[in-house]
């Protein structure tokens, strides 16, 4: 059973920084993409950023230049460094993994973390 465990959320003032971590555990043959989504109160879940197995990154426009995603392949961990936080960044942040399980099935894996709350006060 593959699981994602997130940490690092909390309360911060506008302009501050937080770093989220997400560690994957279980049997994973190959991780294709890891990333972060967020869901603000009353809104749909939206993509924040992703990083591929070749370290190609993708960012939602509103976080470009402020957020940085990185990954530690040896430990199946992804990080999200969030700087210059704004009140509109307040949301539950969810870690996401897409990959494949071990042979012989190489089952497709799409796993979500439990979410970690980020609150930015003005």
Protein backbone atom coordinates (compact mmCIF):
# COMPACT_ATOMS: atom_id res chain seq x y z
CA UNK A 1 0.00 0.00 0.00
CA UNK A 2 1.52 3.30 -1.11
CA UNK A 3 0.94 6.26 1.16
CA UNK A 4 1.87 9.93 1.09
CA UNK A 5 2.58 11.70 4.35
CA UNK A 6 2.63 15.48 4.30
CA UNK A 7 4.02 17.90 6.83
CA UNK A 8 4.91 21.54 7.19
CA UNK A 9 1.61 23.38 7.05
CA UNK A 10 0.63 26.03 9.54
CA UNK A 11 -0.18 29.67 10.15
CA UNK A 12 2.04 32.40 8.74
CA UNK A 13 1.73 36.12 8.17
CA UNK A 14 1.54 37.56 4.68
CA UNK A 15 5.00 37.84 3.19
CA UNK A 16 6.28 34.89 5.20
CA UNK A 17 7.49 31.46 4.13
CA UNK A 18 6.61 27.84 4.70
CA UNK A 19 8.09 24.58 3.45
CA UNK A 20 5.89 21.57 2.85
CA UNK A 21 7.22 18.03 2.65
CA UNK A 22 5.63 14.89 1.28
CA UNK A 23 7.17 11.46 1.70
CA UNK A 24 5.97 8.42 -0.22
CA UNK A 25 6.12 5.01 1.42
CA UNK A 26 5.31 1.55 0.15
CA UNK A 27 6.27 -0.37 -2.93
CA UNK A 28 6.73 1.97 -5.86
CA UNK A 29 8.47 0.74 -8.97
CA UNK A 30 8.59 4.07 -10.72
CA UNK A 31 7.47 7.60 -9.82
CA UNK A 32 6.49 9.57 -12.91
CA UNK A 33 5.20 12.78 -11.42
CA UNK A 34 4.84 14.29 -7.99
CA UNK A 35 3.16 17.53 -7.22
CA UNK A 36 0.98 19.71 -5.08
CA UNK A 37 -2.64 20.74 -5.43
CA UNK A 38 -4.62 23.01 -3.16
CA UNK A 39 -8.23 23.58 -2.25
CA UNK A 40 -9.42 26.82 -0.74
CA UNK A 41 -12.71 27.02 1.16
CA UNK A 42 -15.63 26.96 -1.25
CA UNK A 43 -13.41 26.38 -4.27
CA UNK A 44 -12.40 23.44 -6.40
CA UNK A 45 -9.07 21.71 -6.01
CA UNK A 46 -6.48 23.28 -8.30
CA UNK A 47 -3.03 22.41 -9.50
CA UNK A 48 -0.19 24.32 -7.84
CA UNK A 49 2.91 22.66 -9.23
CA UNK A 50 4.32 19.39 -10.51
CA UNK A 51 7.75 17.90 -11.06
CA UNK A 52 8.55 15.03 -13.39
CA UNK A 53 11.04 12.21 -13.04
CA UNK A 54 13.40 14.32 -15.17
CA UNK A 55 12.92 17.34 -12.86
CA UNK A 56 10.79 19.23 -15.35
CA UNK A 57 8.61 21.59 -13.36
CA UNK A 58 5.27 23.21 -14.00
CA UNK A 59 3.70 26.02 -11.96
CA UNK A 60 0.30 27.63 -11.77
CA UNK A 61 0.65 31.27 -12.84
CA UNK A 62 -0.17 32.85 -9.48
CA UNK A 63 2.68 31.03 -7.70
CA UNK A 64 5.41 31.45 -10.30
CA UNK A 65 8.44 33.16 -8.82
CA UNK A 66 7.22 32.55 -5.26
CA UNK A 67 6.94 28.76 -4.94
CA UNK A 68 9.61 26.18 -5.73
CA UNK A 69 9.09 22.45 -6.00
CA UNK A 70 11.94 19.98 -5.60
CA UNK A 71 12.29 16.26 -5.10
CA UNK A 72 14.62 13.80 -3.44
CA UNK A 73 14.41 10.70 -5.58
CA UNK A 74 16.45 8.58 -3.20
CA UNK A 75 13.87 9.10 -0.47
CA UNK A 76 10.74 9.44 -2.63
CA UNK A 77 10.11 12.87 -1.15
CA UNK A 78 8.88 16.09 -2.68
CA UNK A 79 9.14 19.55 -1.18
CA UNK A 80 7.31 22.81 -1.75
CA UNK A 81 9.10 25.97 -0.68
CA UNK A 82 6.57 28.79 -0.47
CA UNK A 83 7.85 32.35 -0.18
CA UNK A 84 6.11 35.72 -0.22
CA UNK A 85 2.90 34.08 0.89
CA UNK A 86 -0.38 35.90 0.34
CA UNK A 87 -3.75 35.50 2.06
CA UNK A 88 -5.11 34.03 -1.18
CA UNK A 89 -2.65 31.14 -0.80
CA UNK A 90 -4.70 29.95 2.17
CA UNK A 91 -5.87 26.42 1.42
CA UNK A 92 -5.46 22.77 2.19
CA UNK A 93 -2.45 21.58 0.22
CA UNK A 94 -2.49 18.03 -1.12
CA UNK A 95 0.49 16.04 -2.26
CA UNK A 96 0.02 13.93 -5.42
CA UNK A 97 1.96 11.05 -6.90
CA UNK A 98 1.59 9.29 -10.22
CA UNK A 99 3.67 6.23 -10.89
CA UNK A 100 3.62 2.48 -11.29
CA UNK A 101 3.74 -0.47 -8.98
CA UNK A 102 6.15 -3.42 -9.16
CA UNK A 103 6.27 -6.11 -11.82
CA UNK A 104 4.66 -8.10 -13.21
CA UNK A 105 1.56 -5.88 -13.20
CA UNK A 106 3.21 -2.42 -13.15
CA UNK A 107 -0.13 -1.18 -11.87
CA UNK A 108 -0.74 2.55 -12.36
CA UNK A 109 -0.61 4.45 -9.11
CA UNK A 110 -2.39 7.73 -8.46
CA UNK A 111 -2.06 8.59 -4.81
CA UNK A 112 -3.17 11.59 -2.77
CA UNK A 113 -1.97 12.72 0.61
CA UNK A 114 -4.32 13.58 3.44
CA UNK A 115 -3.74 17.31 3.05
CA UNK A 116 -2.05 19.93 5.18
CA UNK A 117 -3.59 23.29 6.01
CA UNK A 118 -1.77 26.49 5.13
CA UNK A 119 -3.25 29.68 6.56
CA UNK A 120 -1.85 33.08 5.59
CA UNK A 121 -3.01 36.00 7.67
CA UNK A 122 -3.09 39.55 6.37
